[in-house]
N, C-alpha and C. Protein backbone atom coordinates (compact mmCIF):
# COMPACT_ATOMS: atom_id res chain seq x y z
N GLN A 1 109.44 86.69 93.19
CA GLN A 1 108.11 86.84 93.18
C GLN A 1 107.65 88.32 92.55
N ALA A 2 108.52 88.60 92.30
CA ALA A 2 108.38 90.32 91.26
C ALA A 2 107.66 89.49 90.10
N ILE A 3 108.79 88.65 89.44
CA ILE A 3 108.24 88.39 87.81
C ILE A 3 107.03 88.12 88.21
N ARG A 4 106.85 87.07 89.45
CA ARG A 4 105.62 86.74 89.06
C ARG A 4 104.47 87.20 89.08
N ALA A 5 104.31 88.40 90.36
CA ALA A 5 103.87 89.71 90.30
C ALA A 5 103.61 90.38 88.60
N VAL A 6 104.59 90.50 88.03
CA VAL A 6 104.53 91.22 86.70
C VAL A 6 103.28 90.71 85.46
N ALA A 7 103.73 89.25 85.69
CA ALA A 7 102.99 88.45 85.03
C ALA A 7 101.22 88.40 85.58
N ALA A 8 101.33 88.88 86.49
CA ALA A 8 99.68 88.30 87.28
C ALA A 8 99.60 89.84 86.50
N LEU A 9 99.82 91.30 86.11
CA LEU A 9 99.11 92.59 86.32
C LEU A 9 99.08 92.80 84.73
N LEU A 10 99.93 92.14 84.00
CA LEU A 10 100.18 92.06 82.47
C LEU A 10 98.64 92.22 81.40
N PRO A 11 97.88 91.46 82.12
CA PRO A 11 96.17 91.64 81.19
C PRO A 11 95.71 92.79 81.36
N ARG A 12 96.11 93.59 82.71
CA ARG A 12 95.98 95.11 82.73
C ARG A 12 96.40 96.00 82.42
N TRP A 13 97.80 95.76 82.16
CA TRP A 13 98.87 96.57 82.11
C TRP A 13 99.68 95.73 80.96
N PRO A 14 99.21 95.73 79.41
CA PRO A 14 99.98 94.99 78.90
C PRO A 14 101.34 96.07 78.15
N THR A 15 101.78 96.95 78.70
CA THR A 15 103.18 97.86 77.99
C THR A 15 103.74 97.85 79.41
N LEU A 16 103.42 97.00 80.52
CA LEU A 16 104.27 97.19 81.66
C LEU A 16 105.63 96.36 81.30
N ARG A 17 106.65 96.83 81.59
CA ARG A 17 108.42 96.29 81.44
C ARG A 17 108.57 96.26 83.20
N TYR A 18 109.45 95.11 83.14
CA TYR A 18 110.21 95.25 84.73
C TYR A 18 111.72 94.94 83.72
N VAL A 19 112.06 96.09 84.41
CA VAL A 19 113.42 96.27 83.79
C VAL A 19 114.82 95.89 85.11
N ILE A 20 115.35 94.39 84.76
CA ILE A 20 116.28 94.33 85.76
C ILE A 20 118.16 94.71 85.69
N VAL A 21 118.41 95.35 86.50
CA VAL A 21 119.52 96.23 85.94
C VAL A 21 120.76 95.32 86.38
N GLY A 22 121.82 95.01 86.37
CA GLY A 22 122.94 93.98 87.21
C GLY A 22 122.88 92.40 86.80
N THR A 23 123.62 92.12 87.24
CA THR A 23 123.88 90.61 87.27
C THR A 23 124.14 90.03 88.52
N GLY A 24 123.82 88.72 89.01
CA GLY A 24 124.16 87.84 90.11
C GLY A 24 124.09 86.52 90.05
N ALA A 25 124.07 85.80 90.86
CA ALA A 25 124.47 84.29 90.65
C ALA A 25 122.83 83.47 90.11
N GLU A 26 121.57 84.94 90.39
CA GLU A 26 120.62 84.18 89.92
C GLU A 26 119.98 84.40 89.04
N HIS A 27 120.72 84.63 88.22
CA HIS A 27 120.08 85.56 86.77
C HIS A 27 119.85 84.40 85.87
N ALA A 28 120.27 82.86 85.84
CA ALA A 28 119.66 82.31 84.65
C ALA A 28 118.61 81.79 85.49
N THR A 29 118.44 81.40 86.88
CA THR A 29 117.03 81.20 87.69
C THR A 29 116.30 82.40 87.11
N LEU A 30 115.94 83.42 87.64
CA LEU A 30 115.10 84.73 86.88
C LEU A 30 114.84 84.55 85.37
N ALA A 31 115.52 84.34 84.61
CA ALA A 31 115.60 84.13 82.88
C ALA A 31 114.63 83.52 82.74
N GLY A 32 114.84 81.87 83.23
CA GLY A 32 113.99 80.45 83.18
C GLY A 32 112.69 81.12 83.68
N LEU A 33 112.57 81.27 84.90
CA LEU A 33 111.32 81.88 85.73
C LEU A 33 110.60 82.56 84.16
N ALA A 34 111.10 83.87 84.00
CA ALA A 34 110.36 84.12 83.04
C ALA A 34 110.28 83.82 81.87
N ARG A 35 110.70 83.22 81.08
CA ARG A 35 110.10 82.26 80.31
C ARG A 35 109.03 81.08 80.31
N SER A 36 109.14 80.23 81.75
CA SER A 36 108.33 79.89 82.25
C SER A 36 107.12 80.41 82.40
N LEU A 37 107.03 81.48 82.60
CA LEU A 37 105.82 82.17 82.56
C LEU A 37 105.24 83.09 81.31
N ASN A 38 106.14 82.81 80.66
CA ASN A 38 105.48 83.74 78.92
C ASN A 38 105.79 84.77 79.17
N VAL A 39 106.65 85.52 79.83
CA VAL A 39 107.03 86.85 80.06
C VAL A 39 108.56 87.49 79.72
N ASN A 40 108.84 86.92 79.22
CA ASN A 40 110.16 86.88 78.90
C ASN A 40 110.60 88.28 78.05
N GLU A 41 109.62 88.32 77.33
CA GLU A 41 109.43 89.64 76.39
C GLU A 41 109.44 90.98 77.26
N GLN A 42 108.92 90.85 78.90
CA GLN A 42 108.15 91.90 79.25
C GLN A 42 109.32 92.30 80.39
N VAL A 43 109.83 91.09 80.81
CA VAL A 43 110.95 90.84 81.75
C VAL A 43 112.15 91.36 80.89
N VAL A 44 113.26 92.91 81.03
CA VAL A 44 114.44 92.84 80.20
C VAL A 44 115.19 92.59 81.58
N PHE A 45 116.53 91.91 81.37
CA PHE A 45 117.78 91.85 82.20
C PHE A 45 118.65 92.83 81.02
N VAL A 46 118.98 93.81 81.86
CA VAL A 46 120.37 94.75 80.53
C VAL A 46 121.66 94.35 81.27
N GLY A 47 121.87 93.44 82.22
CA GLY A 47 122.98 93.19 82.89
C GLY A 47 123.74 94.51 83.87
N ASP A 48 125.03 94.63 83.48
CA ASP A 48 125.63 95.67 84.67
C ASP A 48 125.77 97.12 83.86
N VAL A 49 125.40 98.03 84.31
CA VAL A 49 125.67 99.27 83.72
C VAL A 49 126.59 100.34 84.48
N THR A 50 126.92 101.35 83.81
CA THR A 50 127.79 102.05 84.51
C THR A 50 127.27 103.10 85.34
N ALA A 51 128.10 103.33 86.31
CA ALA A 51 127.79 104.59 87.24
C ALA A 51 126.84 105.97 86.59
N GLU A 52 127.51 106.31 85.16
CA GLU A 52 127.05 107.37 84.52
C GLU A 52 125.33 107.11 83.89
N LEU A 53 125.18 105.67 83.24
CA LEU A 53 123.84 105.52 82.76
C LEU A 53 122.85 105.11 83.79
N LEU A 54 123.54 104.62 85.16
CA LEU A 54 122.02 104.45 86.11
C LEU A 54 121.55 105.26 86.56
N PRO A 55 121.71 106.38 86.53
CA PRO A 55 120.35 107.20 86.78
C PRO A 55 119.54 107.35 85.73
N LEU A 56 119.99 107.27 84.39
CA LEU A 56 118.89 107.23 83.23
C LEU A 56 117.80 106.42 83.20
N TYR A 57 118.31 104.77 83.84
CA TYR A 57 117.37 103.50 84.33
C TYR A 57 116.23 104.23 85.43
N PHE A 58 116.62 104.52 86.50
CA PHE A 58 115.82 105.23 87.55
C PHE A 58 115.13 106.33 86.92
N ALA A 59 115.05 107.06 86.33
CA ALA A 59 114.60 108.04 85.92
C ALA A 59 113.47 107.99 84.58
N ALA A 60 113.91 106.43 83.64
CA ALA A 60 112.97 106.29 83.18
C ALA A 60 111.61 105.36 83.39
N ALA A 61 111.98 105.14 84.93
CA ALA A 61 111.15 104.12 85.30
C ALA A 61 110.00 105.00 86.25
N ASP A 62 108.72 103.85 86.27
CA ASP A 62 107.51 105.27 86.83
C ASP A 62 107.49 104.45 88.75
N VAL A 63 108.17 102.93 88.93
CA VAL A 63 108.44 102.94 90.29
C VAL A 63 109.22 101.74 90.25
N PHE A 64 110.16 101.75 91.67
CA PHE A 64 111.26 100.81 91.57
C PHE A 64 111.00 99.90 92.44
N LEU A 65 110.69 98.50 92.00
CA LEU A 65 110.42 97.49 92.18
C LEU A 65 111.66 96.11 92.77
N LEU A 66 111.79 96.44 94.33
CA LEU A 66 112.84 95.23 94.56
C LEU A 66 111.73 94.78 96.25
N PRO A 67 111.16 93.72 96.09
CA PRO A 67 111.09 92.90 97.45
C PRO A 67 111.41 91.73 97.83
N ASN A 68 112.71 92.59 98.23
CA ASN A 68 113.75 91.67 99.03
C ASN A 68 112.97 90.88 100.19
N ARG A 69 113.57 89.78 100.55
CA ARG A 69 113.00 89.13 101.84
C ARG A 69 114.27 88.22 102.48
N VAL A 70 114.21 87.75 103.53
CA VAL A 70 114.85 86.91 104.46
C VAL A 70 115.22 85.24 103.98
N GLU A 71 116.59 85.18 103.21
CA GLU A 71 116.37 83.75 102.63
C GLU A 71 117.71 83.36 102.90
N ARG A 72 117.86 82.04 103.75
CA ARG A 72 118.84 81.19 104.43
C ARG A 72 119.78 82.07 105.26
N GLY A 73 118.55 83.06 106.21
CA GLY A 73 119.42 83.81 106.66
C GLY A 73 120.22 85.36 106.64
N ASP A 74 119.94 85.08 105.02
CA ASP A 74 120.21 86.30 104.64
C ASP A 74 119.57 87.45 104.65
N PHE A 75 119.37 88.70 105.16
CA PHE A 75 118.46 89.49 104.72
C PHE A 75 119.41 90.99 104.28
N GLU A 76 118.02 91.73 104.02
CA GLU A 76 118.60 93.61 103.42
C GLU A 76 119.68 94.13 105.01
N GLY A 77 120.61 94.78 104.86
CA GLY A 77 120.94 95.59 105.82
C GLY A 77 120.27 96.65 105.91
N PHE A 78 120.25 97.40 104.85
CA PHE A 78 119.71 98.75 105.33
C PHE A 78 119.11 98.64 103.60
N GLY A 79 119.77 98.81 102.32
CA GLY A 79 118.82 98.93 101.36
C GLY A 79 119.33 100.50 100.57
N ILE A 80 120.26 100.86 100.43
CA ILE A 80 120.61 102.11 99.79
C ILE A 80 120.65 102.37 98.82
N VAL A 81 119.80 101.41 97.79
CA VAL A 81 119.60 101.28 96.48
C VAL A 81 117.80 101.96 96.44
N PHE A 82 116.98 101.90 97.37
CA PHE A 82 116.23 102.34 97.89
C PHE A 82 116.18 103.99 97.78
N LEU A 83 117.03 104.40 98.25
CA LEU A 83 117.57 105.55 98.57
C LEU A 83 118.09 106.52 97.10
N GLU A 84 118.88 105.52 96.41
CA GLU A 84 118.75 106.12 95.64
C GLU A 84 117.97 106.15 94.20
N ALA A 85 116.96 105.31 94.55
CA ALA A 85 115.32 105.61 94.23
C ALA A 85 114.81 106.84 93.94
N ALA A 86 114.67 106.95 95.79
CA ALA A 86 114.22 107.97 96.48
C ALA A 86 114.48 109.11 95.66
N ALA A 87 116.44 109.39 95.45
CA ALA A 87 116.98 110.62 95.14
C ALA A 87 116.64 110.89 93.67
N ALA A 88 115.93 109.72 92.80
CA ALA A 88 115.74 110.22 91.82
C ALA A 88 114.13 110.75 91.82
N GLY A 89 113.82 110.39 92.63
CA GLY A 89 112.23 110.59 92.60
C GLY A 89 111.55 109.86 92.15
N LYS A 90 111.40 108.77 92.67
CA LYS A 90 110.81 107.37 92.12
C LYS A 90 110.00 106.84 93.30
N PRO A 91 109.29 106.40 93.74
CA PRO A 91 108.56 105.57 94.58
C PRO A 91 108.97 104.48 94.98
N SER A 92 109.22 103.36 95.78
CA SER A 92 109.56 102.45 96.03
C SER A 92 108.95 101.11 96.05
N ILE A 93 108.84 100.27 96.21
CA ILE A 93 108.50 98.76 96.62
C ILE A 93 109.59 97.76 97.16
N GLY A 94 109.35 97.57 98.57
CA GLY A 94 110.33 96.93 98.66
C GLY A 94 109.88 96.12 100.24
N GLY A 95 110.89 94.72 100.48
CA GLY A 95 110.74 93.80 101.01
C GLY A 95 110.48 94.65 102.65
N ASN A 96 109.18 94.12 103.48
CA ASN A 96 109.13 94.02 104.95
C ASN A 96 110.24 93.84 105.94
N SER A 97 111.41 93.50 105.49
CA SER A 97 112.54 92.91 106.53
C SER A 97 113.96 93.31 106.22
N GLY A 98 114.49 93.18 107.09
CA GLY A 98 115.96 93.45 107.35
C GLY A 98 115.52 95.21 107.96
N GLY A 99 116.77 96.29 107.46
CA GLY A 99 116.76 97.56 107.39
C GLY A 99 115.96 98.33 106.47
N VAL A 100 115.25 97.60 105.58
CA VAL A 100 114.59 98.34 104.40
C VAL A 100 113.53 99.73 104.53
N ALA A 101 112.91 98.88 106.07
CA ALA A 101 111.81 99.99 106.64
C ALA A 101 112.42 101.51 107.28
N GLU A 102 113.87 101.66 106.88
CA GLU A 102 114.99 102.67 107.67
C GLU A 102 114.82 103.29 106.01
N ALA A 103 114.69 102.71 105.39
CA ALA A 103 115.08 103.41 103.22
C ALA A 103 113.75 103.82 103.19
N ILE A 104 112.51 103.29 103.33
CA ILE A 104 111.37 103.49 103.05
C ILE A 104 110.43 104.00 103.85
N ASP A 105 109.63 105.08 103.81
CA ASP A 105 108.74 105.38 104.74
C ASP A 105 107.43 104.68 104.28
N ASP A 106 107.08 103.56 104.89
CA ASP A 106 105.87 103.07 104.08
C ASP A 106 104.38 104.16 104.27
N GLY A 107 104.21 104.06 102.58
CA GLY A 107 102.60 104.59 102.53
C GLY A 107 103.21 105.91 102.46
N ARG A 108 104.34 106.12 102.10
CA ARG A 108 104.80 107.84 102.27
C ARG A 108 105.64 108.09 100.88
N THR A 109 106.91 107.24 101.21
CA THR A 109 108.37 107.34 100.02
C THR A 109 107.69 106.00 99.07
N GLY A 110 107.19 105.03 99.80
CA GLY A 110 106.85 103.89 99.05
C GLY A 110 106.33 103.03 99.68
N LEU A 111 106.03 101.82 98.99
CA LEU A 111 105.28 100.51 100.00
C LEU A 111 106.67 99.49 100.35
N LEU A 112 105.71 99.14 101.67
CA LEU A 112 106.83 97.91 102.40
C LEU A 112 105.48 96.59 102.38
N VAL A 113 106.33 95.50 101.78
CA VAL A 113 105.67 94.66 101.51
C VAL A 113 105.91 93.24 102.05
N ASP A 114 105.39 92.09 101.87
CA ASP A 114 105.73 90.61 102.07
C ASP A 114 106.44 90.10 100.98
N GLY A 115 108.19 90.04 101.15
CA GLY A 115 108.56 89.89 100.03
C GLY A 115 108.47 88.44 99.38
N GLN A 116 107.76 87.31 100.38
CA GLN A 116 107.58 85.92 99.99
C GLN A 116 106.02 85.98 99.42
N ASN A 117 105.21 87.18 99.61
CA ASN A 117 103.69 86.60 98.90
C ASN A 117 103.54 87.28 98.08
N VAL A 118 103.41 86.64 96.72
CA VAL A 118 103.05 87.69 95.50
C VAL A 118 102.20 88.43 95.03
N SER A 119 101.02 88.21 95.91
CA SER A 119 99.66 88.66 96.20
C SER A 119 100.06 89.70 96.61
N SER A 120 100.79 90.35 97.77
CA SER A 120 101.36 91.35 98.46
C SER A 120 101.91 91.99 97.29
N ILE A 121 102.98 91.67 96.99
CA ILE A 121 103.66 92.77 95.55
C ILE A 121 102.95 92.95 94.76
N THR A 122 101.88 91.97 94.30
CA THR A 122 101.10 92.28 93.07
C THR A 122 100.21 93.45 93.25
N SER A 123 99.52 93.41 94.77
CA SER A 123 98.95 94.86 95.03
C SER A 123 99.38 95.81 95.31
N ALA A 124 100.30 95.93 95.51
CA ALA A 124 101.13 97.41 95.66
C ALA A 124 101.29 97.93 94.21
N LEU A 125 101.92 96.88 93.84
CA LEU A 125 102.46 97.42 92.20
C LEU A 125 101.13 98.00 91.72
N GLY A 126 100.32 97.12 91.52
CA GLY A 126 99.21 97.77 90.82
C GLY A 126 98.42 98.93 91.48
N MET A 127 98.66 99.20 92.82
CA MET A 127 97.74 100.49 93.31
C MET A 127 98.98 101.94 92.69
N LEU A 128 100.12 101.53 92.51
CA LEU A 128 101.41 102.66 92.01
C LEU A 128 101.04 102.66 90.77
N LEU A 129 100.30 101.60 89.73
CA LEU A 129 100.43 101.96 88.84
C LEU A 129 99.13 102.38 88.05
N ASP A 130 97.84 102.39 89.09
CA ASP A 130 96.64 102.88 88.83
C ASP A 130 96.70 104.22 89.19
N ALA A 131 97.91 104.86 90.23
CA ALA A 131 97.53 106.44 90.72
C ALA A 131 98.63 107.05 90.36
N PRO A 132 99.29 107.80 89.11
CA PRO A 132 100.12 108.30 88.90
C PRO A 132 100.28 109.34 89.74
N GLN A 133 99.57 110.22 90.06
CA GLN A 133 99.70 111.27 90.98
C GLN A 133 100.07 110.35 92.58
N LEU A 134 99.42 109.68 93.03
CA LEU A 134 100.31 109.19 94.36
C LEU A 134 101.89 108.64 94.08
N ARG A 135 102.15 108.19 92.48
CA ARG A 135 103.54 107.98 92.51
C ARG A 135 104.30 109.13 92.54
N GLN A 136 103.78 110.63 92.07
CA GLN A 136 104.79 111.42 91.73
C GLN A 136 104.86 112.39 93.49
N ASP A 137 103.50 111.92 93.99
CA ASP A 137 103.52 112.66 95.79
C ASP A 137 104.64 111.76 96.41
N MET A 138 104.99 110.38 96.30
CA MET A 138 105.57 109.86 97.02
C MET A 138 107.36 109.86 96.64
N GLY A 139 107.12 110.60 95.35
CA GLY A 139 108.37 110.55 94.65
C GLY A 139 109.07 111.74 95.31
N VAL A 140 108.13 112.51 95.30
CA VAL A 140 108.81 114.32 96.09
C VAL A 140 108.89 113.91 97.38
N ARG A 141 108.15 113.30 98.58
CA ARG A 141 108.74 113.02 99.39
C ARG A 141 109.40 112.07 100.21
N GLY A 142 109.84 111.47 98.54
CA GLY A 142 111.25 110.42 98.52
C GLY A 142 112.46 111.17 98.89
N ARG A 143 112.49 112.13 97.44
CA ARG A 143 113.47 112.77 97.60
C ARG A 143 114.21 113.56 98.19
N ARG A 144 112.76 114.42 99.17
CA ARG A 144 113.51 115.21 100.11
C ARG A 144 113.75 114.51 101.37
N ARG A 145 113.42 113.38 101.63
CA ARG A 145 113.91 112.34 102.58
C ARG A 145 115.27 111.91 102.19
N ALA A 146 115.55 111.52 100.90
CA ALA A 146 116.54 111.24 100.45
C ALA A 146 117.62 112.29 101.07
N GLU A 147 117.59 112.89 100.94
CA GLU A 147 118.46 114.65 101.30
C GLU A 147 118.80 114.39 102.76
N THR A 148 118.13 114.14 103.20
CA THR A 148 118.49 113.37 105.11
C THR A 148 119.78 112.89 105.19
N PHE A 149 119.39 112.01 104.40
CA PHE A 149 120.75 110.60 104.45
C PHE A 149 122.05 111.39 103.84
N SER A 150 122.42 112.44 103.23
CA SER A 150 123.60 112.60 102.54
C SER A 150 124.40 112.64 103.71
N TRP A 151 125.76 112.69 103.09
CA TRP A 151 127.17 112.29 104.14
C TRP A 151 127.04 113.88 105.02
N TYR A 152 126.56 115.07 104.32
CA TYR A 152 126.79 116.45 105.30
C TYR A 152 125.90 115.98 106.38
N ARG A 153 124.87 115.56 106.17
CA ARG A 153 123.77 115.67 107.32
C ARG A 153 124.63 114.53 108.38
N THR A 154 124.72 113.45 107.98
CA THR A 154 125.48 112.30 108.49
C THR A 154 126.07 113.20 109.61
N ALA A 155 127.52 113.93 108.88
CA ALA A 155 128.33 114.15 109.47
C ALA A 155 127.91 115.20 110.99
N GLU A 156 126.99 116.38 110.35
CA GLU A 156 126.18 116.53 111.20
C GLU A 156 125.72 116.24 112.69
N ILE A 157 125.28 115.06 112.38
CA ILE A 157 124.60 114.33 113.49
C ILE A 157 125.66 113.82 114.46
N VAL A 158 127.05 113.04 113.85
CA VAL A 158 128.22 112.28 114.41
C VAL A 158 128.64 113.75 114.80
N SER A 159 128.90 114.95 114.58
CA SER A 159 129.68 116.06 114.77
C SER A 159 128.77 116.50 117.00
N SER A 160 127.16 116.56 116.45
CA SER A 160 126.51 116.76 117.43
C SER A 160 126.89 115.84 118.73
N ALA A 161 126.69 114.69 118.07
CA ALA A 161 126.92 113.69 119.36
C ALA A 161 128.13 113.52 120.04
N HIS A 162 129.59 114.27 119.00
CA HIS A 162 130.92 114.03 119.42
C HIS A 162 130.64 115.31 120.26
N HIS A 163 130.28 116.39 120.27
CA HIS A 163 130.29 117.28 121.51
C HIS A 163 129.59 117.33 122.40
N GLN A 164 128.57 116.77 122.30
CA GLN A 164 127.32 116.27 123.45
C GLN A 164 128.12 115.66 124.81
N MET A 165 129.46 114.48 123.83
CA MET A 165 130.12 113.32 124.68
C MET A 165 131.16 114.10 125.00
N ARG A 166 131.53 114.99 124.66
CA ARG A 166 132.40 116.14 124.92
C ARG A 166 132.56 116.75 126.35
N ALA A 167 131.45 117.58 126.09
CA ALA A 167 130.40 118.16 127.22
C ALA A 167 130.31 117.30 128.62
N LYS A 168 129.77 116.45 128.52
CA LYS A 168 129.88 115.20 129.42
C LYS A 168 131.05 114.77 129.99
N LEU A 169 132.37 114.80 129.49
CA LEU A 169 133.55 114.57 129.96
C LEU A 169 134.33 115.31 130.46
N ALA A 170 133.67 116.83 129.98
CA ALA A 170 134.30 118.09 130.62
C ALA A 170 133.72 118.46 131.88
N ARG A 171 132.83 117.86 132.46
CA ARG A 171 132.34 118.44 133.91
C ARG A 171 133.18 117.55 134.74
N PRO A 172 133.54 118.01 135.88
CA PRO A 172 134.33 117.72 136.90
C PRO A 172 133.82 116.47 137.17
N LEU A 173 134.57 115.75 137.57
CA LEU A 173 134.37 114.09 138.26
C LEU A 173 134.06 114.05 139.40
N GLU A 174 132.89 113.39 139.73
CA GLU A 174 132.55 113.29 141.26
C GLU A 174 133.15 111.88 142.23
N ALA A 175 133.95 112.90 143.46
CA ALA A 175 134.57 111.46 144.26
C ALA A 175 133.87 110.59 144.71
N HIS A 176 134.03 108.79 144.60
CA HIS A 176 133.91 108.49 145.70
C HIS A 176 133.98 108.72 147.10
N PRO A 177 132.59 108.82 147.83
CA PRO A 177 132.88 108.97 149.09
C PRO A 177 134.08 108.20 150.02
N THR A 178 134.75 107.00 149.77
CA THR A 178 135.27 106.23 150.46
C THR A 178 136.66 106.47 149.61
N SER A 179 136.90 107.24 148.26
CA SER A 179 137.49 107.17 147.69
C SER A 179 138.37 108.88 147.20
N PRO A 180 138.55 109.70 148.33
CA PRO A 180 138.96 111.05 148.12
C PRO A 180 139.94 111.05 146.86
N SER A 181 140.61 110.23 146.51
CA SER A 181 141.90 110.26 145.53
C SER A 181 141.32 110.82 144.23
N LEU A 182 140.20 109.87 144.07
CA LEU A 182 139.52 110.42 142.56
C LEU A 182 139.24 111.48 142.25
N ASP A 183 139.31 112.34 143.49
CA ASP A 183 138.99 113.45 143.18
C ASP A 183 139.75 114.54 141.97
N PRO A 184 139.05 114.99 140.93
CA PRO A 184 140.08 115.21 139.58
C PRO A 184 141.46 116.36 139.73
N LYS A 185 141.20 116.98 140.87
CA LYS A 185 141.94 118.07 141.29
C LYS A 185 143.20 117.50 142.15
N ALA A 186 142.56 116.34 142.70
CA ALA A 186 143.74 116.00 143.70
C ALA A 186 144.81 115.09 142.87
N ARG A 187 143.89 114.04 141.70
CA ARG A 187 144.98 112.86 140.95
C ARG A 187 146.00 114.16 140.09
N ARG A 188 145.63 115.54 139.92
CA ARG A 188 146.10 115.79 138.67
C ARG A 188 146.85 117.19 138.91
N GLY A 189 146.47 117.31 139.99
CA GLY A 189 147.32 118.70 140.75
C GLY A 189 146.83 120.40 140.34
N ASP A 190 145.57 119.89 139.43
CA ASP A 190 145.31 121.46 139.37
C ASP A 190 143.87 121.62 139.00
N GLY A 191 142.77 122.39 138.72
CA GLY A 191 141.35 122.78 138.23
C GLY A 191 141.29 122.31 136.99
N ASP A 192 142.37 122.19 135.77
CA ASP A 192 142.12 122.30 134.16
C ASP A 192 141.22 121.29 133.87
N GLN A 193 139.90 121.61 133.49
CA GLN A 193 139.28 120.64 132.98
C GLN A 193 139.46 119.89 131.60
N SER A 194 140.31 120.82 131.05
CA SER A 194 140.54 120.45 129.84
C SER A 194 141.10 119.08 129.88
N ARG A 195 141.95 119.22 130.78
CA ARG A 195 143.15 117.83 130.88
C ARG A 195 142.38 116.69 131.45
N LEU A 196 140.97 116.61 131.46
CA LEU A 196 140.03 115.54 131.69
C LEU A 196 139.60 114.98 130.43
N ASP A 197 140.11 115.50 129.23
CA ASP A 197 139.46 114.82 128.16
C ASP A 197 140.59 114.16 127.27
N PRO A 198 139.86 113.26 126.46
CA PRO A 198 141.34 111.90 126.61
C PRO A 198 142.01 112.42 124.82
N PRO A 199 143.16 112.50 124.69
CA PRO A 199 143.93 112.47 123.69
C PRO A 199 143.04 112.63 122.37
N TRP A 200 142.04 111.53 122.10
CA TRP A 200 141.72 111.53 120.74
C TRP A 200 140.31 112.19 120.75
N LEU A 201 139.99 112.57 121.99
CA LEU A 201 138.79 113.91 121.88
C LEU A 201 139.46 115.39 121.53
N SER A 202 140.88 115.42 121.67
CA SER A 202 140.98 116.83 121.69
C SER A 202 141.45 116.81 119.90
N ASN A 203 141.83 115.76 119.56
CA ASN A 203 142.56 115.41 118.05
C ASN A 203 141.46 115.68 117.09
N ALA A 204 140.41 114.89 117.74
CA ALA A 204 138.81 114.78 116.62
C ALA A 204 138.43 116.30 116.35
N ALA A 205 138.51 117.44 117.95
CA ALA A 205 137.67 118.44 117.43
C ALA A 205 138.43 119.43 117.09
N ALA A 206 140.02 119.33 116.56
CA ALA A 206 140.52 119.73 115.50
C ALA A 206 140.59 119.17 114.15
N ALA A 207 140.01 118.04 114.16
CA ALA A 207 140.16 117.82 112.74
C ALA A 207 139.14 118.95 111.89
N PRO A 208 139.66 118.79 110.41
CA PRO A 208 138.62 120.22 109.34
C PRO A 208 137.32 119.56 109.43
N ARG A 209 136.34 120.13 108.86
CA ARG A 209 135.07 120.06 108.64
C ARG A 209 134.84 119.92 107.39
N LEU A 210 133.84 118.89 106.91
CA LEU A 210 133.78 118.50 105.94
C LEU A 210 133.23 119.72 104.98
N GLY A 211 133.71 119.60 103.60
CA GLY A 211 133.48 120.36 102.73
C GLY A 211 132.62 120.51 102.02
N ARG A 212 131.88 120.75 100.55
CA ARG A 212 131.06 120.57 100.06
C ARG A 212 130.08 119.54 100.32
N PRO A 213 128.80 119.58 100.38
CA PRO A 213 128.01 118.39 100.73
C PRO A 213 128.00 117.38 99.72
N ALA A 214 128.41 115.99 100.06
CA ALA A 214 127.64 115.10 98.80
C ALA A 214 127.03 114.46 99.05
N HIS A 215 126.09 114.03 97.92
CA HIS A 215 125.19 113.27 97.82
C HIS A 215 125.23 111.50 98.18
N LEU A 216 124.93 110.95 98.97
CA LEU A 216 124.86 109.71 99.37
C LEU A 216 124.89 108.87 97.88
N CYS A 217 124.18 109.05 97.14
CA CYS A 217 124.17 107.78 96.12
C CYS A 217 125.43 108.10 94.97
N TYR A 218 126.40 109.44 95.12
CA TYR A 218 127.38 108.95 94.51
C TYR A 218 127.35 109.52 93.22
N ARG A 219 126.16 110.02 92.47
CA ARG A 219 125.39 110.12 91.30
C ARG A 219 124.84 111.72 91.23
N ASP A 220 125.34 111.93 89.90
CA ASP A 220 124.60 113.27 89.50
C ASP A 220 123.24 112.77 88.95
N ILE A 221 122.19 112.79 89.90
CA ILE A 221 120.76 112.52 89.43
C ILE A 221 119.80 113.78 89.16
């Protein structure tokens, strides 16, 4: 549907190019569609690229367009590629299905569309192509948001949840009125609350902290 949207916008944007990076089972079908719509020169298939070159493609783009959709029960679980585009300061257009809404803040870092509706995709892409300032603003917000998904930030969230759980487990257990033997002191013979912690909690607490923050996209963008 993205190729059809590009074809619909060419009369207004004759210099528009849709560059598809990577390969897959649908390559021949997509290439055939581009030829049938007479946009095979505007739709460029570059195949697989190295991790070192991929950031250059993000940097050269005005918009990242991937209108995913549910197909035969298969859907986008999260959409890390949208965060990669955001980390490069680019607005994204993605399908409003699966977990993509977690990666794109609709209206702020990009736009969510009906991935099966050509008009929806065409309208969103045309809107961003017509508004360079909007693209820039979305790109800036997207970059800031992408940083909140770094491994360092994720480690902080997990660590906080761990300490909260540890604090709850360290509280004295309340004995059931009919089962006085459940009292932790009666069972263990002392009042040492640290002994209420499972061994894995103590071991996890002693684990070393992560070192230098890492970018989620694993690339120097």
